Amino acid sequence: MARKPLTLRTAVITTAATAAGSTAGALAATIATHLDFHQPGVSQLATALTALWVLEKLHTLIDSDDPTKPN
């Protein structure tokens, strides 16, 4: 099985998704602390879900405007 090369596009999408996920995780941890909600893994779950959601949305957004792909 051949591996796809790492491209600038992939690097930018991954970095943006990671940054968004990190921000969402920090926000979730802050909100949970202020609400005295002590459930382990809340911020990690928010981080993972947000990163995956942003990754998928950016991938779809960039692919939809690709003029080299046939309709």
C-alpha atoms as a PDB file:
ATOM      1  CA  MET A   1       0.000   0.000   0.000  1.00  0.00           C
ATOM      2  CA  ALA A   2       1.489   3.313  -1.083  1.00  0.00           C
ATOM      3  CA  ARG A   3       1.432   6.230   1.334  1.00  0.00           C
ATOM      4  CA  LYS A   4       0.173   9.605   0.232  1.00  0.00           C
ATOM      5  CA  PRO A   5       2.818  12.310   0.561  1.00  0.00           C
ATOM      6  CA  LEU A   6       2.394  15.028   3.167  1.00  0.00           C
ATOM      7  CA  THR A   7       1.345  18.174   1.351  1.00  0.00           C
ATOM      8  CA  LEU A   8       1.093  21.786   2.420  1.00  0.00           C
ATOM      9  CA  ARG A   9      -2.685  21.470   2.158  1.00  0.00           C
ATOM     10  CA  THR A  10      -2.725  18.544   4.591  1.00  0.00           C
ATOM     11  CA  ALA A  11      -0.386  20.336   6.978  1.00  0.00           C
ATOM     12  CA  VAL A  12      -2.515  23.504   7.020  1.00  0.00           C
ATOM     13  CA  ILE A  13      -5.778  21.603   7.521  1.00  0.00           C
ATOM     14  CA  THR A  14      -4.285  19.491  10.312  1.00  0.00           C
ATOM     15  CA  THR A  15      -2.776  22.523  12.060  1.00  0.00           C
ATOM     16  CA  ALA A  16      -6.053  24.455  11.903  1.00  0.00           C
ATOM     17  CA  ALA A  17      -8.008  21.480  13.246  1.00  0.00           C
ATOM     18  CA  THR A  18      -5.513  20.965  16.059  1.00  0.00           C
ATOM     19  CA  ALA A  19      -5.629  24.636  17.037  1.00  0.00           C
ATOM     20  CA  ALA A  20      -9.433  24.673  17.023  1.00  0.00           C
ATOM     21  CA  GLY A  21      -9.563  21.471  19.055  1.00  0.00           C
ATOM     22  CA  SER A  22      -7.092  22.804  21.597  1.00  0.00           C
ATOM     23  CA  THR A  23      -9.096  25.993  21.997  1.00  0.00           C
ATOM     24  CA  ALA A  24     -12.340  24.066  22.445  1.00  0.00           C
ATOM     25  CA  GLY A  25     -10.722  21.799  25.027  1.00  0.00           C
ATOM     26  CA  ALA A  26      -9.417  24.748  27.031  1.00  0.00           C
ATOM     27  CA  LEU A  27     -12.833  26.403  26.877  1.00  0.00           C
ATOM     28  CA  ALA A  28     -14.558  23.203  28.006  1.00  0.00           C
ATOM     29  CA  ALA A  29     -12.132  22.830  30.914  1.00  0.00           C
ATOM     30  CA  THR A  30     -12.695  26.440  31.966  1.00  0.00           C
ATOM     31  CA  ILE A  31     -16.469  26.117  31.802  1.00  0.00           C
ATOM     32  CA  ALA A  32     -16.396  22.807  33.692  1.00  0.00           C
ATOM     33  CA  THR A  33     -14.226  24.358  36.417  1.00  0.00           C
ATOM     34  CA  HIS A  34     -16.535  27.335  36.850  1.00  0.00           C
ATOM     35  CA  LEU A  35     -19.585  25.059  37.030  1.00  0.00           C
ATOM     36  CA  ASP A  36     -17.897  22.686  39.534  1.00  0.00           C
ATOM     37  CA  PHE A  37     -18.386  19.842  37.067  1.00  0.00           C
ATOM     38  CA  HIS A  38     -15.747  17.246  37.878  1.00  0.00           C
ATOM     39  CA  GLN A  39     -16.011  14.636  35.150  1.00  0.00           C
ATOM     40  CA  PRO A  40     -12.669  13.381  33.856  1.00  0.00           C
ATOM     41  CA  GLY A  41     -12.122  13.630  30.134  1.00  0.00           C
ATOM     42  CA  VAL A  42     -14.534  16.461  29.314  1.00  0.00           C
ATOM     43  CA  SER A  43     -11.869  18.700  27.828  1.00  0.00           C
ATOM     44  CA  GLN A  44     -10.223  15.805  25.964  1.00  0.00           C
ATOM     45  CA  LEU A  45     -13.566  14.833  24.455  1.00  0.00           C
ATOM     46  CA  ALA A  46     -14.242  18.416  23.374  1.00  0.00           C
ATOM     47  CA  THR A  47     -10.742  18.621  21.891  1.00  0.00           C
ATOM     48  CA  ALA A  48     -11.100  15.410  19.897  1.00  0.00           C
ATOM     49  CA  LEU A  49     -14.616  16.087  18.613  1.00  0.00           C
ATOM     50  CA  THR A  50     -13.835  19.667  17.597  1.00  0.00           C
ATOM     51  CA  ALA A  51     -10.580  18.710  15.871  1.00  0.00           C
ATOM     52  CA  LEU A  52     -12.272  15.945  13.884  1.00  0.00           C
ATOM     53  CA  TRP A  53     -15.219  18.177  12.968  1.00  0.00           C
ATOM     54  CA  VAL A  54     -12.967  21.037  11.781  1.00  0.00           C
ATOM     55  CA  LEU A  55     -10.711  18.598   9.913  1.00  0.00           C
ATOM     56  CA  GLU A  56     -13.680  17.143   8.030  1.00  0.00           C
ATOM     57  CA  LYS A  57     -15.240  20.555   7.296  1.00  0.00           C
ATOM     58  CA  LEU A  58     -12.007  22.076   5.975  1.00  0.00           C
ATOM     59  CA  HIS A  59     -11.285  19.000   3.895  1.00  0.00           C
ATOM     60  CA  THR A  60     -14.769  19.157   2.359  1.00  0.00           C
ATOM     61  CA  LEU A  61     -14.594  22.907   1.826  1.00  0.00           C
ATOM     62  CA  ILE A  62     -11.265  22.759   0.017  1.00  0.00           C
ATOM     63  CA  ASP A  63     -12.243  19.730  -2.067  1.00  0.00           C
ATOM     64  CA  SER A  64     -15.512  21.290  -3.203  1.00  0.00           C
ATOM     65  CA  ASP A  65     -13.704  24.166  -4.930  1.00  0.00           C
ATOM     66  CA  ASP A  66     -11.099  22.018  -6.684  1.00  0.00           C
ATOM     67  CA  PRO A  67     -11.383  22.823 -10.410  1.00  0.00           C
ATOM     68  CA  THR A  68      -9.232  19.813 -11.389  1.00  0.00           C
ATOM     69  CA  LYS A  69     -11.768  17.272 -10.139  1.00  0.00           C
ATOM     70  CA  PRO A  70     -14.557  16.169 -12.463  1.00  0.00           C
ATOM     71  CA  ASN A  71     -18.153  16.728 -11.350  1.00  0.00           C
END
